[in-house]
Amino acid sequence: MNSPIGIWKRRTHAENDSMKFGKEAVVGVLVIVSTLVIFNLILYGVLPPAQPKPAVTHAQQARQAAESAGTLAGFYDFDGDLGEAAWYPTEKTDLLDGSTYQYMAQTDSPLTLTVACAAPWTLEVVVMDRLTHLARPEVSLAVNGTPVAATKTRMFRRWVYQATIPDGKPGDWMVDVSVPELIRPSDLFATEDDRPLGVAADWILVTGAECISPVTE
């Protein structure tokens, strides 16, 4: 109907649609311009590029939890070569958190761990589920040459061996990780890796109720 009111309504709707389209176009242009400005500022060094948040490994999470609880007594996360023939150099997993591990190079692989407070302690030795998912060597633990009974529980792509140490003083302690035999990856997979390997250790954690001092590696 071409009444004056109908013509006015149609004109008003058309103007509103035109204004709406115009606003959307302006917003789109502003977004593009802002993006180009920021890109050029980064490109020419005026603004630093955004840095990704560093991943926290499972080992670091375990340590942080013990620190928060005030129970951290000793810790090693196999992120640096031990300098001992009993362990292969550090390797990195394919996990997103960048976890590291070291394979045992012999059936009995010791390491020295500094413990900061008196026992009783809980000792946790965590190994990666790498060769163990096909051939499952049982891990035995000893502290200063004395075997300790350990329970075995499952964690994401890992096995946790946990033992209670009832008596002990602060200081350096020898932790022995033992397996019945070594395994060559070339015997299990199509690979040229023929190293004789034990389990791949991810971290060792000692906690105690009497701990009050921070632990440094």
C-alpha atoms as a PDB file:
ATOM      1  CA  MET A   1       0.000   0.000   0.000  1.00  0.00           C
ATOM      2  CA  ASN A   2       1.458   3.327  -1.076  1.00  0.00           C
ATOM      3  CA  SER A   3      -0.046   5.469   1.646  1.00  0.00           C
ATOM      4  CA  PRO A   4       2.192   8.155   3.140  1.00  0.00           C
ATOM      5  CA  ILE A   5       2.545   6.082   6.338  1.00  0.00           C
ATOM      6  CA  GLY A   6       3.498   2.944   4.373  1.00  0.00           C
ATOM      7  CA  ILE A   7       6.066   4.850   2.328  1.00  0.00           C
ATOM      8  CA  TRP A   8       7.524   6.360   5.521  1.00  0.00           C
ATOM      9  CA  LYS A   9       7.804   2.933   7.198  1.00  0.00           C
ATOM     10  CA  ARG A  10       9.572   1.418   4.208  1.00  0.00           C
ATOM     11  CA  ARG A  11      11.932   4.352   4.026  1.00  0.00           C
ATOM     12  CA  THR A  12      12.665   4.123   7.763  1.00  0.00           C
ATOM     13  CA  HIS A  13      13.417   0.362   7.555  1.00  0.00           C
ATOM     14  CA  ALA A  14      15.695   0.938   4.577  1.00  0.00           C
ATOM     15  CA  GLU A  15      17.570   3.684   6.439  1.00  0.00           C
ATOM     16  CA  ASN A  16      17.933   1.480   9.542  1.00  0.00           C
ATOM     17  CA  ASP A  17      19.260  -1.414   7.445  1.00  0.00           C
ATOM     18  CA  SER A  18      21.675   0.924   5.728  1.00  0.00           C
ATOM     19  CA  MET A  19      22.913   2.300   9.059  1.00  0.00           C
ATOM     20  CA  LYS A  20      23.304  -1.213  10.483  1.00  0.00           C
ATOM     21  CA  PHE A  21      25.299  -2.332   7.461  1.00  0.00           C
ATOM     22  CA  GLY A  22      27.416   0.801   7.698  1.00  0.00           C
ATOM     23  CA  LYS A  23      28.243   0.173  11.364  1.00  0.00           C
ATOM     24  CA  GLU A  24      29.181  -3.445  10.680  1.00  0.00           C
ATOM     25  CA  ALA A  25      31.412  -2.355   7.807  1.00  0.00           C
ATOM     26  CA  VAL A  26      33.142   0.232  10.007  1.00  0.00           C
ATOM     27  CA  VAL A  27      33.725  -2.353  12.765  1.00  0.00           C
ATOM     28  CA  GLY A  28      35.149  -4.802  10.233  1.00  0.00           C
ATOM     29  CA  VAL A  29      37.518  -2.183   8.839  1.00  0.00           C
ATOM     30  CA  LEU A  30      38.663  -1.205  12.351  1.00  0.00           C
ATOM     31  CA  VAL A  31      39.396  -4.846  13.215  1.00  0.00           C
ATOM     32  CA  ILE A  32      41.463  -5.314  10.056  1.00  0.00           C
ATOM     33  CA  VAL A  33      43.362  -2.065  10.610  1.00  0.00           C
ATOM     34  CA  SER A  34      44.058  -2.875  14.266  1.00  0.00           C
ATOM     35  CA  THR A  35      45.326  -6.342  13.339  1.00  0.00           C
ATOM     36  CA  LEU A  36      47.642  -4.901  10.687  1.00  0.00           C
ATOM     37  CA  VAL A  37      48.962  -2.265  13.106  1.00  0.00           C
ATOM     38  CA  ILE A  38      49.713  -4.840  15.809  1.00  0.00           C
ATOM     39  CA  PHE A  39      51.324  -7.177  13.270  1.00  0.00           C
ATOM     40  CA  ASN A  40      53.626  -4.405  12.035  1.00  0.00           C
ATOM     41  CA  LEU A  41      54.518  -3.363  15.573  1.00  0.00           C
ATOM     42  CA  ILE A  42      55.559  -6.934  16.316  1.00  0.00           C
ATOM     43  CA  LEU A  43      57.307  -7.275  12.944  1.00  0.00           C
ATOM     44  CA  TYR A  44      59.451  -4.188  13.515  1.00  0.00           C
ATOM     45  CA  GLY A  45      60.206  -4.980  17.130  1.00  0.00           C
ATOM     46  CA  VAL A  46      58.059  -2.322  18.756  1.00  0.00           C
ATOM     47  CA  LEU A  47      55.937  -4.924  20.537  1.00  0.00           C
ATOM     48  CA  PRO A  48      57.311  -8.313  21.652  1.00  0.00           C
ATOM     49  CA  PRO A  49      55.437 -11.360  20.329  1.00  0.00           C
ATOM     50  CA  ALA A  50      53.221 -13.179  22.805  1.00  0.00           C
ATOM     51  CA  GLN A  51      55.158 -15.909  24.574  1.00  0.00           C
ATOM     52  CA  PRO A  52      53.488 -19.300  25.048  1.00  0.00           C
ATOM     53  CA  LYS A  53      52.989 -20.331  28.644  1.00  0.00           C
ATOM     54  CA  PRO A  54      55.672 -22.886  29.516  1.00  0.00           C
ATOM     55  CA  ALA A  55      54.334 -26.379  30.058  1.00  0.00           C
ATOM     56  CA  VAL A  56      54.553 -27.857  33.543  1.00  0.00           C
ATOM     57  CA  THR A  57      55.686 -31.462  33.473  1.00  0.00           C
ATOM     58  CA  HIS A  58      54.110 -34.172  35.619  1.00  0.00           C
ATOM     59  CA  ALA A  59      57.360 -34.304  37.576  1.00  0.00           C
ATOM     60  CA  GLN A  60      57.200 -30.576  38.312  1.00  0.00           C
ATOM     61  CA  GLN A  61      53.566 -30.928  39.350  1.00  0.00           C
ATOM     62  CA  ALA A  62      54.522 -33.675  41.807  1.00  0.00           C
ATOM     63  CA  ARG A  63      57.294 -31.535  43.254  1.00  0.00           C
ATOM     64  CA  GLN A  64      55.087 -28.453  43.518  1.00  0.00           C
ATOM     65  CA  ALA A  65      52.390 -30.445  45.314  1.00  0.00           C
ATOM     66  CA  ALA A  66      54.930 -31.688  47.873  1.00  0.00           C
ATOM     67  CA  GLU A  67      56.325 -28.186  48.312  1.00  0.00           C
ATOM     68  CA  SER A  68      52.839 -26.757  48.865  1.00  0.00           C
ATOM     69  CA  ALA A  69      52.104 -29.452  51.442  1.00  0.00           C
ATOM     70  CA  GLY A  70      55.429 -28.810  53.203  1.00  0.00           C
ATOM     71  CA  THR A  71      56.498 -32.439  52.814  1.00  0.00           C
ATOM     72  CA  LEU A  72      59.233 -32.251  50.157  1.00  0.00           C
ATOM     73  CA  ALA A  73      62.349 -34.099  51.324  1.00  0.00           C
ATOM     74  CA  GLY A  74      64.144 -35.058  48.117  1.00  0.00           C
ATOM     75  CA  PHE A  75      63.553 -34.909  44.378  1.00  0.00           C
ATOM     76  CA  TYR A  76      65.176 -35.762  41.053  1.00  0.00           C
ATOM     77  CA  ASP A  77      63.392 -35.462  37.702  1.00  0.00           C
ATOM     78  CA  PHE A  78      66.000 -36.941  35.306  1.00  0.00           C
ATOM     79  CA  ASP A  79      66.392 -33.727  33.313  1.00  0.00           C
ATOM     80  CA  GLY A  80      70.191 -33.758  33.415  1.00  0.00           C
ATOM     81  CA  ASP A  81      72.806 -36.427  32.872  1.00  0.00           C
ATOM     82  CA  LEU A  82      73.810 -38.139  36.084  1.00  0.00           C
ATOM     83  CA  GLY A  83      77.339 -38.716  34.855  1.00  0.00           C
ATOM     84  CA  GLU A  84      77.147 -42.349  35.916  1.00  0.00           C
ATOM     85  CA  ALA A  85      77.522 -45.434  33.734  1.00  0.00           C
ATOM     86  CA  ALA A  86      74.354 -46.880  35.266  1.00  0.00           C
ATOM     87  CA  TRP A  87      72.104 -44.423  33.359  1.00  0.00           C
ATOM     88  CA  TYR A  88      71.849 -43.357  29.728  1.00  0.00           C
ATOM     89  CA  PRO A  89      71.736 -39.626  28.867  1.00  0.00           C
ATOM     90  CA  THR A  90      68.487 -37.704  29.241  1.00  0.00           C
ATOM     91  CA  GLU A  91      65.841 -38.063  26.541  1.00  0.00           C
ATOM     92  CA  LYS A  92      62.571 -36.177  25.982  1.00  0.00           C
ATOM     93  CA  THR A  93      59.167 -37.789  25.642  1.00  0.00           C
ATOM     94  CA  ASP A  94      56.596 -37.141  22.934  1.00  0.00           C
ATOM     95  CA  LEU A  95      54.193 -35.788  25.570  1.00  0.00           C
ATOM     96  CA  LEU A  96      53.078 -32.168  25.223  1.00  0.00           C
ATOM     97  CA  ASP A  97      54.476 -31.213  28.631  1.00  0.00           C
ATOM     98  CA  GLY A  98      58.032 -32.017  27.509  1.00  0.00           C
ATOM     99  CA  SER A  99      58.742 -34.610  30.205  1.00  0.00           C
ATOM    100  CA  THR A 100      62.261 -36.044  30.327  1.00  0.00           C
ATOM    101  CA  TYR A 101      63.516 -39.452  31.353  1.00  0.00           C
ATOM    102  CA  GLN A 102      66.639 -41.600  31.538  1.00  0.00           C
ATOM    103  CA  TYR A 103      66.892 -45.289  30.722  1.00  0.00           C
ATOM    104  CA  MET A 104      68.701 -47.633  33.057  1.00  0.00           C
ATOM    105  CA  ALA A 105      71.945 -48.844  31.443  1.00  0.00           C
ATOM    106  CA  GLN A 106      72.345 -51.860  33.715  1.00  0.00           C
ATOM    107  CA  THR A 107      70.115 -54.116  35.761  1.00  0.00           C
ATOM    108  CA  ASP A 108      71.069 -52.333  38.985  1.00  0.00           C
ATOM    109  CA  SER A 109      71.169 -48.548  38.520  1.00  0.00           C
ATOM    110  CA  PRO A 110      71.919 -46.460  41.625  1.00  0.00           C
ATOM    111  CA  LEU A 111      71.806 -42.717  42.122  1.00  0.00           C
ATOM    112  CA  THR A 112      72.526 -40.438  45.056  1.00  0.00           C
ATOM    113  CA  LEU A 113      69.629 -38.383  46.371  1.00  0.00           C
ATOM    114  CA  THR A 114      69.940 -35.648  48.985  1.00  0.00           C
ATOM    115  CA  VAL A 115      67.214 -35.894  51.630  1.00  0.00           C
ATOM    116  CA  ALA A 116      66.531 -32.750  53.645  1.00  0.00           C
ATOM    117  CA  CYS A 117      64.678 -34.039  56.707  1.00  0.00           C
ATOM    118  CA  ALA A 118      64.379 -37.010  59.034  1.00  0.00           C
ATOM    119  CA  ALA A 119      62.304 -40.123  58.364  1.00  0.00           C
ATOM    120  CA  PRO A 120      59.721 -41.561  58.158  1.00  0.00           C
ATOM    121  CA  TRP A 121      59.688 -40.980  54.422  1.00  0.00           C
ATOM    122  CA  THR A 122      57.634 -42.045  51.453  1.00  0.00           C
ATOM    123  CA  LEU A 123      59.795 -42.921  48.461  1.00  0.00           C
ATOM    124  CA  GLU A 124      58.258 -42.764  44.983  1.00  0.00           C
ATOM    125  CA  VAL A 125      60.074 -43.937  41.868  1.00  0.00           C
ATOM    126  CA  VAL A 126      58.095 -43.136  38.717  1.00  0.00           C
ATOM    127  CA  VAL A 127      58.966 -44.849  35.430  1.00  0.00           C
ATOM    128  CA  MET A 128      57.657 -44.150  31.946  1.00  0.00           C
ATOM    129  CA  ASP A 129      55.387 -46.647  30.202  1.00  0.00           C
ATOM    130  CA  ARG A 130      57.699 -47.101  27.239  1.00  0.00           C
ATOM    131  CA  LEU A 131      59.111 -50.613  26.962  1.00  0.00           C
ATOM    132  CA  THR A 132      57.086 -51.729  29.954  1.00  0.00           C
ATOM    133  CA  HIS A 133      53.805 -51.844  28.003  1.00  0.00           C
ATOM    134  CA  LEU A 134      55.155 -54.771  25.931  1.00  0.00           C
ATOM    135  CA  ALA A 135      57.644 -56.359  28.297  1.00  0.00           C
ATOM    136  CA  ARG A 136      56.880 -55.547  31.909  1.00  0.00           C
ATOM    137  CA  PRO A 137      60.031 -55.878  34.005  1.00  0.00           C
ATOM    138  CA  GLU A 138      59.324 -55.731  37.706  1.00  0.00           C
ATOM    139  CA  VAL A 139      61.202 -52.947  39.451  1.00  0.00           C
ATOM    140  CA  SER A 140      62.900 -53.546  42.786  1.00  0.00           C
ATOM    141  CA  LEU A 141      64.076 -50.751  45.083  1.00  0.00           C
ATOM    142  CA  ALA A 142      66.784 -50.524  47.714  1.00  0.00           C
ATOM    143  CA  VAL A 143      67.916 -47.641  49.910  1.00  0.00           C
ATOM    144  CA  ASN A 144      71.547 -47.591  51.046  1.00  0.00           C
ATOM    145  CA  GLY A 145      71.809 -51.233  50.017  1.00  0.00           C
ATOM    146  CA  THR A 146      68.747 -52.387  51.978  1.00  0.00           C
ATOM    147  CA  PRO A 147      65.839 -53.719  49.866  1.00  0.00           C
ATOM    148  CA  VAL A 148      62.491 -52.041  50.523  1.00  0.00           C
ATOM    149  CA  ALA A 149      59.021 -53.378  49.731  1.00  0.00           C
ATOM    150  CA  ALA A 150      57.238 -51.269  47.139  1.00  0.00           C
ATOM    151  CA  THR A 151      53.676 -51.130  45.863  1.00  0.00           C
ATOM    152  CA  LYS A 152      53.017 -50.591  42.164  1.00  0.00           C
ATOM    153  CA  THR A 153      50.220 -48.325  40.893  1.00  0.00           C
ATOM    154  CA  ARG A 154      49.252 -46.973  37.487  1.00  0.00           C
ATOM    155  CA  MET A 155      49.508 -43.349  36.406  1.00  0.00           C
ATOM    156  CA  PHE A 156      48.991 -41.769  32.981  1.00  0.00           C
ATOM    157  CA  ARG A 157      51.593 -43.533  30.782  1.00  0.00           C
ATOM    158  CA  ARG A 158      53.620 -44.291  33.900  1.00  0.00           C
ATOM    159  CA  TRP A 159      54.098 -46.750  36.750  1.00  0.00           C
ATOM    160  CA  VAL A 160      54.615 -45.542  40.324  1.00  0.00           C
ATOM    161  CA  TYR A 161      56.636 -47.664  42.762  1.00  0.00           C
ATOM    162  CA  GLN A 162      56.099 -46.462  46.335  1.00  0.00           C
ATOM    163  CA  ALA A 163      57.834 -47.555  49.524  1.00  0.00           C
ATOM    164  CA  THR A 164      57.883 -46.404  53.142  1.00  0.00           C
ATOM    165  CA  ILE A 165      61.243 -45.734  54.792  1.00  0.00           C
ATOM    166  CA  PRO A 166      60.667 -45.762  58.576  1.00  0.00           C
ATOM    167  CA  ASP A 167      64.105 -44.634  59.791  1.00  0.00           C
ATOM    168  CA  GLY A 168      66.770 -42.291  58.477  1.00  0.00           C
ATOM    169  CA  LYS A 169      68.556 -38.984  58.932  1.00  0.00           C
ATOM    170  CA  PRO A 170      68.977 -36.059  56.533  1.00  0.00           C
ATOM    171  CA  GLY A 171      71.846 -36.397  54.088  1.00  0.00           C
ATOM    172  CA  ASP A 172      72.850 -38.219  50.930  1.00  0.00           C
ATOM    173  CA  TRP A 173      71.114 -41.536  50.355  1.00  0.00           C
ATOM    174  CA  MET A 174      71.763 -44.132  47.679  1.00  0.00           C
ATOM    175  CA  VAL A 175      68.607 -45.215  45.851  1.00  0.00           C
ATOM    176  CA  ASP A 176      68.988 -48.398  43.788  1.00  0.00           C
ATOM    177  CA  VAL A 177      66.555 -49.164  40.968  1.00  0.00           C
ATOM    178  CA  SER A 178      66.797 -52.767  39.768  1.00  0.00           C
ATOM    179  CA  VAL A 179      65.185 -54.901  37.048  1.00  0.00           C
ATOM    180  CA  PRO A 180      65.644 -58.622  36.330  1.00  0.00           C
ATOM    181  CA  GLU A 181      66.916 -58.066  32.776  1.00  0.00           C
ATOM    182  CA  LEU A 182      67.583 -55.457  30.128  1.00  0.00           C
ATOM    183  CA  ILE A 183      65.597 -55.220  26.889  1.00  0.00           C
ATOM    184  CA  ARG A 184      66.808 -54.222  23.419  1.00  0.00           C
ATOM    185  CA  PRO A 185      64.197 -52.154  21.495  1.00  0.00           C
ATOM    186  CA  SER A 186      65.393 -53.819  18.277  1.00  0.00           C
ATOM    187  CA  ASP A 187      64.073 -57.122  19.655  1.00  0.00           C
ATOM    188  CA  LEU A 188      60.583 -55.628  20.001  1.00  0.00           C
ATOM    189  CA  PHE A 189      60.256 -53.034  17.229  1.00  0.00           C
ATOM    190  CA  ALA A 190      61.497 -52.280  13.734  1.00  0.00           C
ATOM    191  CA  THR A 191      64.238 -49.994  15.019  1.00  0.00           C
ATOM    192  CA  GLU A 192      68.016 -49.779  14.923  1.00  0.00           C
ATOM    193  CA  ASP A 193      68.159 -49.031  18.649  1.00  0.00           C
ATOM    194  CA  ASP A 194      69.897 -52.097  20.028  1.00  0.00           C
ATOM    195  CA  ARG A 195      70.886 -50.594  23.373  1.00  0.00           C
ATOM    196  CA  PRO A 196      70.236 -52.858  26.358  1.00  0.00           C
ATOM    197  CA  LEU A 197      67.701 -50.846  28.367  1.00  0.00           C
ATOM    198  CA  GLY A 198      66.056 -51.075  31.750  1.00  0.00           C
ATOM    199  CA  VAL A 199      63.067 -48.950  32.670  1.00  0.00           C
ATOM    200  CA  ALA A 200      62.875 -45.266  31.718  1.00  0.00           C
ATOM    201  CA  ALA A 201      62.838 -43.322  34.994  1.00  0.00           C
ATOM    202  CA  ASP A 202      60.823 -40.081  35.017  1.00  0.00           C
ATOM    203  CA  TRP A 203      61.280 -38.814  38.561  1.00  0.00           C
ATOM    204  CA  ILE A 204      62.076 -39.808  42.135  1.00  0.00           C
ATOM    205  CA  LEU A 205      60.282 -38.081  45.011  1.00  0.00           C
ATOM    206  CA  VAL A 206      60.834 -38.395  48.753  1.00  0.00           C
ATOM    207  CA  THR A 207      58.306 -36.852  51.109  1.00  0.00           C
ATOM    208  CA  GLY A 208      58.215 -36.678  54.889  1.00  0.00           C
ATOM    209  CA  ALA A 209      55.979 -35.214  57.546  1.00  0.00           C
ATOM    210  CA  GLU A 210      58.911 -33.543  59.328  1.00  0.00           C
ATOM    211  CA  CYS A 211      60.230 -31.552  56.357  1.00  0.00           C
ATOM    212  CA  ILE A 212      60.589 -27.816  56.869  1.00  0.00           C
ATOM    213  CA  SER A 213      63.512 -26.895  54.589  1.00  0.00           C
ATOM    214  CA  PRO A 214      63.301 -26.322  50.845  1.00  0.00           C
ATOM    215  CA  VAL A 215      65.156 -28.852  48.709  1.00  0.00           C
ATOM    216  CA  THR A 216      67.588 -27.832  45.984  1.00  0.00           C
ATOM    217  CA  GLU A 217      68.930 -30.175  43.348  1.00  0.00           C
END
